[in-house]
Amino acid sequence: MTLASATKRAAKPRPPQKGRPVDHGAWFLVLPALIPILILSVGPLLYGIALAFTDSQSGRTEPTQWIGMLNFQDLVHDTLFWHSFRIGLLWAVGVTVPQFLLALGLALLLNQDLRLRWLARALAIIPWAMPEVVVGIMWRLVYNADAGILNETIRDLGLGQGRDWLSGLATALPAVIVVGVWAGMPQTTVALLAGLQNTPRELHEAAAMDGAGAWRRFRTVTWPALRPVALAITALNFIWNFNSFALVYVLTSGGPGGRTRLPMLFAYEEAFRYGQFGYAAAMGCVLVAVISVILAVFLVGRLKGGADA
């Protein structure tokens, strides 16, 4: 074997070896982000799941005991919990659907070449920048039965004397849903606007040259490009809305008569008003499981629909 052939053979790249050990040094780059997640999210979640199988209560002197599925058996027959669960679903759907439709219209408007578009975009995200507690207090003043802006406007227009919106059995949930839509619409608008701006303008121009109208361009060009963003933000909004607590707590505290008692409010009352920590943890486990199943069915259906299209 000559020197040239030996040099050529040595220069050839070696094939990767199977079972080669992974460089564990990369884990040190992930740890700063992984440790807070494990401590603040995964740890409490596992502790809550374990707590659901105990008889943990506040103020008891006896040690906490493992009771198995007893909390879940009691939960199956708890009509008040399932009533709050139905209210939670009504709230989540009633907020998520109008929230998406209004945000889509606003995003399409803000995507146009309008004067002072930057100012309109800044104003559109103001509700997002406000804490939920502040939003709740502000809307309580709007809905105030005696001196609220809404009732004052109704009286000035001669449409009646107004009503107590947050205390009426028929108006409490719709009034709270309006606040939820207003408070949550900005982040949906921002996400959809980002998706619209990532759509190539050349596609719209080509469709317009082919004679496609505004609706046809939206259906054939805009919506297919926007579908992944719409799917993601709708799923996230549903989770956020179903797990709402602070906004509804400030507005109605679950009243009147439990008409706005969302599942999170019900679990909060069981844990911190009545001291039933184990029972409240079981509620949390059921809520996580049911919502995970609903979202899985929703996402699979939407993804199949997108693939068929």
C-alpha atoms as a PDB file:
ATOM      1  CA  MET A   1       0.000   0.000   0.000  1.00  0.00           C
ATOM      2  CA  THR A   2       1.453   3.335  -1.111  1.00  0.00           C
ATOM      3  CA  LEU A   3       1.643   6.496   0.988  1.00  0.00           C
ATOM      4  CA  ALA A   4      -1.003   8.258  -1.165  1.00  0.00           C
ATOM      5  CA  SER A   5      -3.554   5.460  -0.770  1.00  0.00           C
ATOM      6  CA  ALA A   6      -2.980   5.353   2.987  1.00  0.00           C
ATOM      7  CA  THR A   7      -3.489   9.111   3.264  1.00  0.00           C
ATOM      8  CA  LYS A   8      -6.700   8.932   1.209  1.00  0.00           C
ATOM      9  CA  ARG A   9      -8.074   6.111   3.374  1.00  0.00           C
ATOM     10  CA  ALA A  10      -7.296   8.070   6.558  1.00  0.00           C
ATOM     11  CA  ALA A  11      -9.026  11.174   5.197  1.00  0.00           C
ATOM     12  CA  LYS A  12     -12.348   9.381   4.644  1.00  0.00           C
ATOM     13  CA  PRO A  13     -14.945  10.279   7.303  1.00  0.00           C
ATOM     14  CA  ARG A  14     -15.746   7.491   9.688  1.00  0.00           C
ATOM     15  CA  PRO A  15     -19.394   6.386   9.897  1.00  0.00           C
ATOM     16  CA  PRO A  16     -21.144   7.262  13.138  1.00  0.00           C
ATOM     17  CA  GLN A  17     -20.884   4.567  15.754  1.00  0.00           C
ATOM     18  CA  LYS A  18     -24.102   3.138  17.147  1.00  0.00           C
ATOM     19  CA  GLY A  19     -24.583   3.427  20.858  1.00  0.00           C
ATOM     20  CA  ARG A  20     -22.253   6.373  21.101  1.00  0.00           C
ATOM     21  CA  PRO A  21     -22.634   8.108  24.479  1.00  0.00           C
ATOM     22  CA  VAL A  22     -24.549  11.383  24.449  1.00  0.00           C
ATOM     23  CA  ASP A  23     -22.806  14.557  25.479  1.00  0.00           C
ATOM     24  CA  HIS A  24     -24.302  15.184  28.905  1.00  0.00           C
ATOM     25  CA  GLY A  25     -22.777  18.621  29.053  1.00  0.00           C
ATOM     26  CA  ALA A  26     -25.726  19.926  27.033  1.00  0.00           C
ATOM     27  CA  TRP A  27     -28.004  19.264  30.007  1.00  0.00           C
ATOM     28  CA  PHE A  28     -26.244  22.014  31.945  1.00  0.00           C
ATOM     29  CA  LEU A  29     -27.510  24.507  29.346  1.00  0.00           C
ATOM     30  CA  VAL A  30     -31.109  23.345  29.903  1.00  0.00           C
ATOM     31  CA  LEU A  31     -31.026  23.242  33.694  1.00  0.00           C
ATOM     32  CA  PRO A  32     -31.613  26.995  34.316  1.00  0.00           C
ATOM     33  CA  ALA A  33     -34.959  26.726  32.515  1.00  0.00           C
ATOM     34  CA  LEU A  34     -35.765  23.165  33.597  1.00  0.00           C
ATOM     35  CA  ILE A  35     -35.307  23.559  37.344  1.00  0.00           C
ATOM     36  CA  PRO A  36     -37.980  26.308  37.818  1.00  0.00           C
ATOM     37  CA  ILE A  37     -40.436  24.247  35.774  1.00  0.00           C
ATOM     38  CA  LEU A  38     -39.807  21.170  37.897  1.00  0.00           C
ATOM     39  CA  ILE A  39     -40.057  23.101  41.173  1.00  0.00           C
ATOM     40  CA  LEU A  40     -42.975  25.416  40.364  1.00  0.00           C
ATOM     41  CA  SER A  41     -45.059  23.286  37.969  1.00  0.00           C
ATOM     42  CA  VAL A  42     -44.272  19.573  37.985  1.00  0.00           C
ATOM     43  CA  GLY A  43     -43.658  19.363  41.722  1.00  0.00           C
ATOM     44  CA  PRO A  44     -46.959  20.976  42.801  1.00  0.00           C
ATOM     45  CA  LEU A  45     -48.826  18.938  40.168  1.00  0.00           C
ATOM     46  CA  LEU A  46     -47.485  15.647  41.527  1.00  0.00           C
ATOM     47  CA  TYR A  47     -48.134  16.783  45.098  1.00  0.00           C
ATOM     48  CA  GLY A  48     -51.711  17.710  44.190  1.00  0.00           C
ATOM     49  CA  ILE A  49     -52.305  14.319  42.581  1.00  0.00           C
ATOM     50  CA  ALA A  50     -50.985  12.562  45.681  1.00  0.00           C
ATOM     51  CA  LEU A  51     -53.078  14.817  47.936  1.00  0.00           C
ATOM     52  CA  ALA A  52     -56.243  13.777  46.076  1.00  0.00           C
ATOM     53  CA  PHE A  53     -55.908  10.266  47.497  1.00  0.00           C
ATOM     54  CA  THR A  54     -55.760  11.432  51.114  1.00  0.00           C
ATOM     55  CA  ASP A  55     -58.190  12.845  53.693  1.00  0.00           C
ATOM     56  CA  SER A  56     -56.157  16.014  54.158  1.00  0.00           C
ATOM     57  CA  GLN A  57     -58.091  18.734  55.987  1.00  0.00           C
ATOM     58  CA  SER A  58     -57.207  21.992  57.667  1.00  0.00           C
ATOM     59  CA  GLY A  59     -57.132  22.216  61.448  1.00  0.00           C
ATOM     60  CA  ARG A  60     -57.111  18.478  62.145  1.00  0.00           C
ATOM     61  CA  THR A  61     -54.674  17.112  64.708  1.00  0.00           C
ATOM     62  CA  GLU A  62     -54.628  13.529  63.407  1.00  0.00           C
ATOM     63  CA  PRO A  63     -52.099  12.623  60.699  1.00  0.00           C
ATOM     64  CA  THR A  64     -53.270  12.584  57.112  1.00  0.00           C
ATOM     65  CA  GLN A  65     -54.251   9.112  55.906  1.00  0.00           C
ATOM     66  CA  TRP A  66     -54.318   7.467  52.502  1.00  0.00           C
ATOM     67  CA  ILE A  67     -57.957   6.797  51.531  1.00  0.00           C
ATOM     68  CA  GLY A  68     -57.570   5.680  47.930  1.00  0.00           C
ATOM     69  CA  MET A  69     -60.401   6.570  45.544  1.00  0.00           C
ATOM     70  CA  LEU A  70     -62.857   7.705  48.224  1.00  0.00           C
ATOM     71  CA  ASN A  71     -62.612  11.408  47.253  1.00  0.00           C
ATOM     72  CA  PHE A  72     -63.283  10.565  43.624  1.00  0.00           C
ATOM     73  CA  GLN A  73     -66.255   8.387  44.554  1.00  0.00           C
ATOM     74  CA  ASP A  74     -67.756  11.272  46.522  1.00  0.00           C
ATOM     75  CA  LEU A  75     -67.046  13.616  43.636  1.00  0.00           C
ATOM     76  CA  VAL A  76     -69.028  11.489  41.179  1.00  0.00           C
ATOM     77  CA  HIS A  77     -72.168  12.037  43.246  1.00  0.00           C
ATOM     78  CA  ASP A  78     -71.526  15.729  43.982  1.00  0.00           C
ATOM     79  CA  THR A  79     -74.204  17.507  41.951  1.00  0.00           C
ATOM     80  CA  LEU A  80     -72.912  20.942  42.928  1.00  0.00           C
ATOM     81  CA  PHE A  81     -69.517  20.181  41.404  1.00  0.00           C
ATOM     82  CA  TRP A  82     -70.965  18.947  38.120  1.00  0.00           C
ATOM     83  CA  HIS A  83     -73.242  21.965  38.018  1.00  0.00           C
ATOM     84  CA  SER A  84     -70.187  24.183  38.319  1.00  0.00           C
ATOM     85  CA  PHE A  85     -68.491  22.089  35.638  1.00  0.00           C
ATOM     86  CA  ARG A  86     -71.368  22.762  33.216  1.00  0.00           C
ATOM     87  CA  ILE A  87     -71.145  26.460  34.043  1.00  0.00           C
ATOM     88  CA  GLY A  88     -67.415  26.308  33.379  1.00  0.00           C
ATOM     89  CA  LEU A  89     -67.983  24.786  29.950  1.00  0.00           C
ATOM     90  CA  LEU A  90     -70.608  27.436  29.123  1.00  0.00           C
ATOM     91  CA  TRP A  91     -68.209  30.141  30.264  1.00  0.00           C
ATOM     92  CA  ALA A  92     -65.239  28.718  28.336  1.00  0.00           C
ATOM     93  CA  VAL A  93     -67.165  28.280  25.073  1.00  0.00           C
ATOM     94  CA  GLY A  94     -69.101  31.529  25.521  1.00  0.00           C
ATOM     95  CA  VAL A  95     -65.856  33.465  25.932  1.00  0.00           C
ATOM     96  CA  THR A  96     -63.579  31.610  23.501  1.00  0.00           C
ATOM     97  CA  VAL A  97     -65.831  31.698  20.426  1.00  0.00           C
ATOM     98  CA  PRO A  98     -66.736  35.436  20.433  1.00  0.00           C
ATOM     99  CA  GLN A  99     -63.197  36.207  21.521  1.00  0.00           C
ATOM    100  CA  PHE A 100     -61.793  34.503  18.437  1.00  0.00           C
ATOM    101  CA  LEU A 101     -64.317  35.958  15.989  1.00  0.00           C
ATOM    102  CA  LEU A 102     -63.915  39.528  17.243  1.00  0.00           C
ATOM    103  CA  ALA A 103     -60.130  39.189  17.418  1.00  0.00           C
ATOM    104  CA  LEU A 104     -60.044  37.863  13.862  1.00  0.00           C
ATOM    105  CA  GLY A 105     -62.007  40.849  12.593  1.00  0.00           C
ATOM    106  CA  LEU A 106     -59.807  43.255  14.529  1.00  0.00           C
ATOM    107  CA  ALA A 107     -56.625  41.562  13.294  1.00  0.00           C
ATOM    108  CA  LEU A 108     -57.806  41.798   9.677  1.00  0.00           C
ATOM    109  CA  LEU A 109     -58.540  45.493  10.205  1.00  0.00           C
ATOM    110  CA  LEU A 110     -55.199  46.225  11.858  1.00  0.00           C
ATOM    111  CA  ASN A 111     -53.408  44.397   9.040  1.00  0.00           C
ATOM    112  CA  GLN A 112     -54.608  46.976   6.530  1.00  0.00           C
ATOM    113  CA  ASP A 113     -52.637  50.072   5.545  1.00  0.00           C
ATOM    114  CA  LEU A 114     -54.559  52.540   7.666  1.00  0.00           C
ATOM    115  CA  ARG A 115     -53.583  55.914   9.046  1.00  0.00           C
ATOM    116  CA  LEU A 116     -52.421  55.838  12.674  1.00  0.00           C
ATOM    117  CA  ARG A 117     -52.322  52.052  12.530  1.00  0.00           C
ATOM    118  CA  TRP A 118     -49.589  52.016  15.165  1.00  0.00           C
ATOM    119  CA  LEU A 119     -51.842  53.880  17.587  1.00  0.00           C
ATOM    120  CA  ALA A 120     -54.744  51.500  16.964  1.00  0.00           C
ATOM    121  CA  ARG A 121     -52.478  48.519  17.615  1.00  0.00           C
ATOM    122  CA  ALA A 122     -51.255  50.052  20.854  1.00  0.00           C
ATOM    123  CA  LEU A 123     -54.802  50.752  22.059  1.00  0.00           C
ATOM    124  CA  ALA A 124     -55.922  47.240  21.134  1.00  0.00           C
ATOM    125  CA  ILE A 125     -53.586  45.605  23.647  1.00  0.00           C
ATOM    126  CA  ILE A 126     -54.461  47.820  26.616  1.00  0.00           C
ATOM    127  CA  PRO A 127     -56.843  45.244  28.194  1.00  0.00           C
ATOM    128  CA  TRP A 128     -54.050  42.682  27.984  1.00  0.00           C
ATOM    129  CA  ALA A 129     -51.716  44.935  29.980  1.00  0.00           C
ATOM    130  CA  MET A 130     -54.211  45.347  32.829  1.00  0.00           C
ATOM    131  CA  PRO A 131     -54.241  42.847  35.743  1.00  0.00           C
ATOM    132  CA  GLU A 132     -57.402  40.769  36.011  1.00  0.00           C
ATOM    133  CA  VAL A 133     -58.177  42.224  39.431  1.00  0.00           C
ATOM    134  CA  VAL A 134     -58.093  45.757  38.013  1.00  0.00           C
ATOM    135  CA  VAL A 135     -60.277  44.675  35.076  1.00  0.00           C
ATOM    136  CA  GLY A 136     -62.782  43.135  37.486  1.00  0.00           C
ATOM    137  CA  ILE A 137     -62.967  46.242  39.666  1.00  0.00           C
ATOM    138  CA  MET A 138     -63.359  48.493  36.631  1.00  0.00           C
ATOM    139  CA  TRP A 139     -66.210  46.429  35.193  1.00  0.00           C
ATOM    140  CA  ARG A 140     -67.922  46.261  38.584  1.00  0.00           C
ATOM    141  CA  LEU A 141     -68.110  50.047  38.384  1.00  0.00           C
ATOM    142  CA  VAL A 142     -69.471  49.807  34.833  1.00  0.00           C
ATOM    143  CA  TYR A 143     -72.176  47.344  35.923  1.00  0.00           C
ATOM    144  CA  ASN A 144     -73.021  49.191  39.145  1.00  0.00           C
ATOM    145  CA  ALA A 145     -76.796  49.263  39.574  1.00  0.00           C
ATOM    146  CA  ASP A 146     -77.012  52.796  40.960  1.00  0.00           C
ATOM    147  CA  ALA A 147     -74.294  54.845  39.266  1.00  0.00           C
ATOM    148  CA  GLY A 148     -72.763  52.540  36.676  1.00  0.00           C
ATOM    149  CA  ILE A 149     -72.000  53.840  33.196  1.00  0.00           C
ATOM    150  CA  LEU A 150     -74.133  51.152  31.569  1.00  0.00           C
ATOM    151  CA  ASN A 151     -77.285  51.896  33.547  1.00  0.00           C
ATOM    152  CA  GLU A 152     -76.748  55.655  33.230  1.00  0.00           C
ATOM    153  CA  THR A 153     -76.544  55.269  29.452  1.00  0.00           C
ATOM    154  CA  ILE A 154     -79.724  53.186  29.400  1.00  0.00           C
ATOM    155  CA  ARG A 155     -81.558  55.842  31.418  1.00  0.00           C
ATOM    156  CA  ASP A 156     -80.276  58.678  29.236  1.00  0.00           C
ATOM    157  CA  LEU A 157     -81.478  56.890  26.119  1.00  0.00           C
ATOM    158  CA  GLY A 158     -84.904  56.305  27.653  1.00  0.00           C
ATOM    159  CA  LEU A 159     -84.609  52.529  27.431  1.00  0.00           C
ATOM    160  CA  GLY A 160     -85.550  51.880  31.052  1.00  0.00           C
ATOM    161  CA  GLN A 161     -84.152  52.221  34.548  1.00  0.00           C
ATOM    162  CA  GLY A 162     -81.391  49.674  34.102  1.00  0.00           C
ATOM    163  CA  ARG A 163     -80.831  46.621  36.264  1.00  0.00           C
ATOM    164  CA  ASP A 164     -78.385  44.991  38.633  1.00  0.00           C
ATOM    165  CA  TRP A 165     -76.409  43.080  36.034  1.00  0.00           C
ATOM    166  CA  LEU A 166     -74.099  41.123  38.322  1.00  0.00           C
ATOM    167  CA  SER A 167     -76.768  40.141  40.840  1.00  0.00           C
ATOM    168  CA  GLY A 168     -79.508  39.027  38.462  1.00  0.00           C
ATOM    169  CA  LEU A 169     -79.903  35.300  37.967  1.00  0.00           C
ATOM    170  CA  ALA A 170     -80.451  35.725  34.227  1.00  0.00           C
ATOM    171  CA  THR A 171     -77.831  38.406  33.564  1.00  0.00           C
ATOM    172  CA  ALA A 172     -74.872  37.527  35.798  1.00  0.00           C
ATOM    173  CA  LEU A 173     -73.242  34.908  33.547  1.00  0.00           C
ATOM    174  CA  PRO A 174     -73.737  36.839  30.266  1.00  0.00           C
ATOM    175  CA  ALA A 175     -72.379  39.993  31.929  1.00  0.00           C
ATOM    176  CA  VAL A 176     -69.286  38.155  33.122  1.00  0.00           C
ATOM    177  CA  ILE A 177     -68.807  36.564  29.689  1.00  0.00           C
ATOM    178  CA  VAL A 178     -68.729  40.037  28.115  1.00  0.00           C
ATOM    179  CA  VAL A 179     -65.918  41.007  30.480  1.00  0.00           C
ATOM    180  CA  GLY A 180     -64.033  37.811  29.699  1.00  0.00           C
ATOM    181  CA  VAL A 181     -64.255  38.462  25.964  1.00  0.00           C
ATOM    182  CA  TRP A 182     -63.068  42.060  26.367  1.00  0.00           C
ATOM    183  CA  ALA A 183     -60.173  41.115  28.644  1.00  0.00           C
ATOM    184  CA  GLY A 184     -58.920  38.171  26.591  1.00  0.00           C
ATOM    185  CA  MET A 185     -59.332  39.490  23.064  1.00  0.00           C
ATOM    186  CA  PRO A 186     -55.968  41.362  22.805  1.00  0.00           C
ATOM    187  CA  GLN A 187     -53.681  38.315  23.002  1.00  0.00           C
ATOM    188  CA  THR A 188     -55.807  36.546  20.397  1.00  0.00           C
ATOM    189  CA  THR A 189     -55.624  39.611  18.180  1.00  0.00           C
ATOM    190  CA  VAL A 190     -51.838  39.799  18.510  1.00  0.00           C
ATOM    191  CA  ALA A 191     -51.415  36.100  17.661  1.00  0.00           C
ATOM    192  CA  LEU A 192     -53.701  36.304  14.622  1.00  0.00           C
ATOM    193  CA  LEU A 193     -52.103  39.542  13.451  1.00  0.00           C
ATOM    194  CA  ALA A 194     -48.696  37.865  13.575  1.00  0.00           C
ATOM    195  CA  GLY A 195     -50.075  35.021  11.468  1.00  0.00           C
ATOM    196  CA  LEU A 196     -51.539  37.451   8.947  1.00  0.00           C
ATOM    197  CA  GLN A 197     -48.261  39.308   8.585  1.00  0.00           C
ATOM    198  CA  ASN A 198     -46.467  36.042   7.844  1.00  0.00           C
ATOM    199  CA  THR A 199     -48.748  35.380   4.879  1.00  0.00           C
ATOM    200  CA  PRO A 200     -46.920  36.332   1.632  1.00  0.00           C
ATOM    201  CA  ARG A 201     -48.517  39.308  -0.088  1.00  0.00           C
ATOM    202  CA  GLU A 202     -47.679  37.745  -3.463  1.00  0.00           C
ATOM    203  CA  LEU A 203     -50.380  35.139  -2.900  1.00  0.00           C
ATOM    204  CA  HIS A 204     -53.023  37.811  -2.327  1.00  0.00           C
ATOM    205  CA  GLU A 205     -51.857  39.750  -5.361  1.00  0.00           C
ATOM    206  CA  ALA A 206     -51.949  36.635  -7.543  1.00  0.00           C
ATOM    207  CA  ALA A 207     -55.439  35.752  -6.318  1.00  0.00           C
ATOM    208  CA  ALA A 208     -56.631  39.311  -6.972  1.00  0.00           C
ATOM    209  CA  MET A 209     -55.219  39.211 -10.511  1.00  0.00           C
ATOM    210  CA  ASP A 210     -57.166  35.983 -11.085  1.00  0.00           C
ATOM    211  CA  GLY A 211     -60.362  37.846 -10.176  1.00  0.00           C
ATOM    212  CA  ALA A 212     -60.857  36.497  -6.660  1.00  0.00           C
ATOM    213  CA  GLY A 213     -62.914  38.728  -4.376  1.00  0.00           C
ATOM    214  CA  ALA A 214     -62.161  39.570  -0.757  1.00  0.00           C
ATOM    215  CA  TRP A 215     -64.097  36.608   0.675  1.00  0.00           C
ATOM    216  CA  ARG A 216     -62.555  34.137  -1.762  1.00  0.00           C
ATOM    217  CA  ARG A 217     -59.048  35.448  -1.033  1.00  0.00           C
ATOM    218  CA  PHE A 218     -59.700  35.043   2.679  1.00  0.00           C
ATOM    219  CA  ARG A 219     -61.037  31.496   2.219  1.00  0.00           C
ATOM    220  CA  THR A 220     -58.355  30.236  -0.151  1.00  0.00           C
ATOM    221  CA  VAL A 221     -55.271  32.235   0.868  1.00  0.00           C
ATOM    222  CA  THR A 222     -55.594  33.859   4.289  1.00  0.00           C
ATOM    223  CA  TRP A 223     -57.382  31.161   6.254  1.00  0.00           C
ATOM    224  CA  PRO A 224     -55.164  28.192   5.190  1.00  0.00           C
ATOM    225  CA  ALA A 225     -52.089  30.168   6.239  1.00  0.00           C
ATOM    226  CA  LEU A 226     -53.776  31.282   9.463  1.00  0.00           C
ATOM    227  CA  ARG A 227     -55.169  27.864  10.435  1.00  0.00           C
ATOM    228  CA  PRO A 228     -52.198  26.661  12.576  1.00  0.00           C
ATOM    229  CA  VAL A 229     -52.141  29.913  14.551  1.00  0.00           C
ATOM    230  CA  ALA A 230     -55.925  29.851  14.959  1.00  0.00           C
ATOM    231  CA  LEU A 231     -55.828  26.255  16.165  1.00  0.00           C
ATOM    232  CA  ALA A 232     -53.124  26.943  18.735  1.00  0.00           C
ATOM    233  CA  ILE A 233     -54.598  30.163  20.133  1.00  0.00           C
ATOM    234  CA  THR A 234     -58.112  28.684  20.317  1.00  0.00           C
ATOM    235  CA  ALA A 235     -56.888  25.687  22.300  1.00  0.00           C
ATOM    236  CA  LEU A 236     -54.888  27.905  24.655  1.00  0.00           C
ATOM    237  CA  ASN A 237     -57.801  30.309  25.109  1.00  0.00           C
ATOM    238  CA  PHE A 238     -60.112  27.430  25.987  1.00  0.00           C
ATOM    239  CA  ILE A 239     -57.690  26.231  28.670  1.00  0.00           C
ATOM    240  CA  TRP A 240     -57.144  29.717  30.069  1.00  0.00           C
ATOM    241  CA  ASN A 241     -60.848  30.553  30.089  1.00  0.00           C
ATOM    242  CA  PHE A 242     -61.917  27.287  31.696  1.00  0.00           C
ATOM    243  CA  ASN A 243     -59.322  27.769  34.422  1.00  0.00           C
ATOM    244  CA  SER A 244     -60.316  31.385  35.070  1.00  0.00           C
ATOM    245  CA  PHE A 245     -60.472  32.428  38.688  1.00  0.00           C
ATOM    246  CA  ALA A 246     -59.454  36.001  39.532  1.00  0.00           C
ATOM    247  CA  LEU A 247     -61.734  37.818  37.081  1.00  0.00           C
ATOM    248  CA  VAL A 248     -64.935  36.005  38.057  1.00  0.00           C
ATOM    249  CA  TYR A 249     -63.996  36.035  41.734  1.00  0.00           C
ATOM    250  CA  VAL A 250     -63.662  39.814  41.756  1.00  0.00           C
ATOM    251  CA  LEU A 251     -66.848  40.339  39.732  1.00  0.00           C
ATOM    252  CA  THR A 252     -69.314  37.976  41.411  1.00  0.00           C
ATOM    253  CA  SER A 253     -67.460  35.574  43.763  1.00  0.00           C
ATOM    254  CA  GLY A 254     -69.455  32.810  42.095  1.00  0.00           C
ATOM    255  CA  GLY A 255     -72.900  34.308  42.751  1.00  0.00           C
ATOM    256  CA  PRO A 256     -75.743  34.877  42.535  1.00  0.00           C
ATOM    257  CA  GLY A 257     -76.942  31.459  43.592  1.00  0.00           C
ATOM    258  CA  GLY A 258     -73.910  29.773  42.093  1.00  0.00           C
ATOM    259  CA  ARG A 259     -74.768  30.976  38.561  1.00  0.00           C
ATOM    260  CA  THR A 260     -71.143  32.034  37.968  1.00  0.00           C
ATOM    261  CA  ARG A 261     -69.395  29.526  40.232  1.00  0.00           C
ATOM    262  CA  LEU A 262     -66.747  28.150  37.897  1.00  0.00           C
ATOM    263  CA  PRO A 263     -64.992  24.872  38.802  1.00  0.00           C
ATOM    264  CA  MET A 264     -61.882  26.720  39.965  1.00  0.00           C
ATOM    265  CA  LEU A 265     -64.036  28.811  42.312  1.00  0.00           C
ATOM    266  CA  PHE A 266     -65.736  25.688  43.619  1.00  0.00           C
ATOM    267  CA  ALA A 267     -62.392  23.982  44.291  1.00  0.00           C
ATOM    268  CA  TYR A 268     -61.090  27.165  45.942  1.00  0.00           C
ATOM    269  CA  GLU A 269     -64.052  27.266  48.309  1.00  0.00           C
ATOM    270  CA  GLU A 270     -63.678  23.602  49.221  1.00  0.00           C
ATOM    271  CA  ALA A 271     -59.976  24.046  49.960  1.00  0.00           C
ATOM    272  CA  PHE A 272     -59.727  27.439  51.640  1.00  0.00           C
ATOM    273  CA  ARG A 273     -63.213  28.075  52.991  1.00  0.00           C
ATOM    274  CA  TYR A 274     -64.120  24.578  54.169  1.00  0.00           C
ATOM    275  CA  GLY A 275     -60.577  23.184  54.538  1.00  0.00           C
ATOM    276  CA  GLN A 276     -61.145  20.048  52.438  1.00  0.00           C
ATOM    277  CA  PHE A 277     -57.719  19.931  50.794  1.00  0.00           C
ATOM    278  CA  GLY A 278     -57.890  16.319  49.662  1.00  0.00           C
ATOM    279  CA  TYR A 279     -61.355  16.732  48.156  1.00  0.00           C
ATOM    280  CA  ALA A 280     -60.342  19.944  46.378  1.00  0.00           C
ATOM    281  CA  ALA A 281     -57.247  18.218  44.989  1.00  0.00           C
ATOM    282  CA  ALA A 282     -59.466  15.458  43.619  1.00  0.00           C
ATOM    283  CA  MET A 283     -61.532  18.130  41.860  1.00  0.00           C
ATOM    284  CA  GLY A 284     -58.372  19.503  40.284  1.00  0.00           C
ATOM    285  CA  CYS A 285     -57.363  16.056  39.026  1.00  0.00           C
ATOM    286  CA  VAL A 286     -60.786  15.482  37.470  1.00  0.00           C
ATOM    287  CA  LEU A 287     -60.725  18.900  35.803  1.00  0.00           C
ATOM    288  CA  VAL A 288     -57.264  18.306  34.338  1.00  0.00           C
ATOM    289  CA  ALA A 289     -58.256  14.874  33.034  1.00  0.00           C
ATOM    290  CA  VAL A 290     -61.567  15.968  31.484  1.00  0.00           C
ATOM    291  CA  ILE A 291     -60.159  19.088  29.857  1.00  0.00           C
ATOM    292  CA  SER A 292     -57.214  17.090  28.486  1.00  0.00           C
ATOM    293  CA  VAL A 293     -59.613  14.639  26.854  1.00  0.00           C
ATOM    294  CA  ILE A 294     -61.789  17.422  25.414  1.00  0.00           C
ATOM    295  CA  LEU A 295     -58.772  19.246  24.019  1.00  0.00           C
ATOM    296  CA  ALA A 296     -57.318  16.035  22.576  1.00  0.00           C
ATOM    297  CA  VAL A 297     -60.562  15.308  20.719  1.00  0.00           C
ATOM    298  CA  PHE A 298     -60.761  18.926  19.552  1.00  0.00           C
ATOM    299  CA  LEU A 299     -57.171  19.053  18.306  1.00  0.00           C
ATOM    300  CA  VAL A 300     -57.340  15.665  16.561  1.00  0.00           C
ATOM    301  CA  GLY A 301     -60.546  16.689  14.808  1.00  0.00           C
ATOM    302  CA  ARG A 302     -59.119  20.029  13.707  1.00  0.00           C
ATOM    303  CA  LEU A 303     -55.857  18.455  12.514  1.00  0.00           C
ATOM    304  CA  LYS A 304     -57.729  15.798  10.531  1.00  0.00           C
ATOM    305  CA  GLY A 305     -59.907  18.518   9.043  1.00  0.00           C
ATOM    306  CA  GLY A 306     -56.814  20.461   8.059  1.00  0.00           C
ATOM    307  CA  ALA A 307     -55.226  17.388   6.507  1.00  0.00           C
ATOM    308  CA  ASP A 308     -58.355  16.591   4.490  1.00  0.00           C
ATOM    309  CA  ALA A 309     -58.551  20.174   3.276  1.00  0.00           C
END
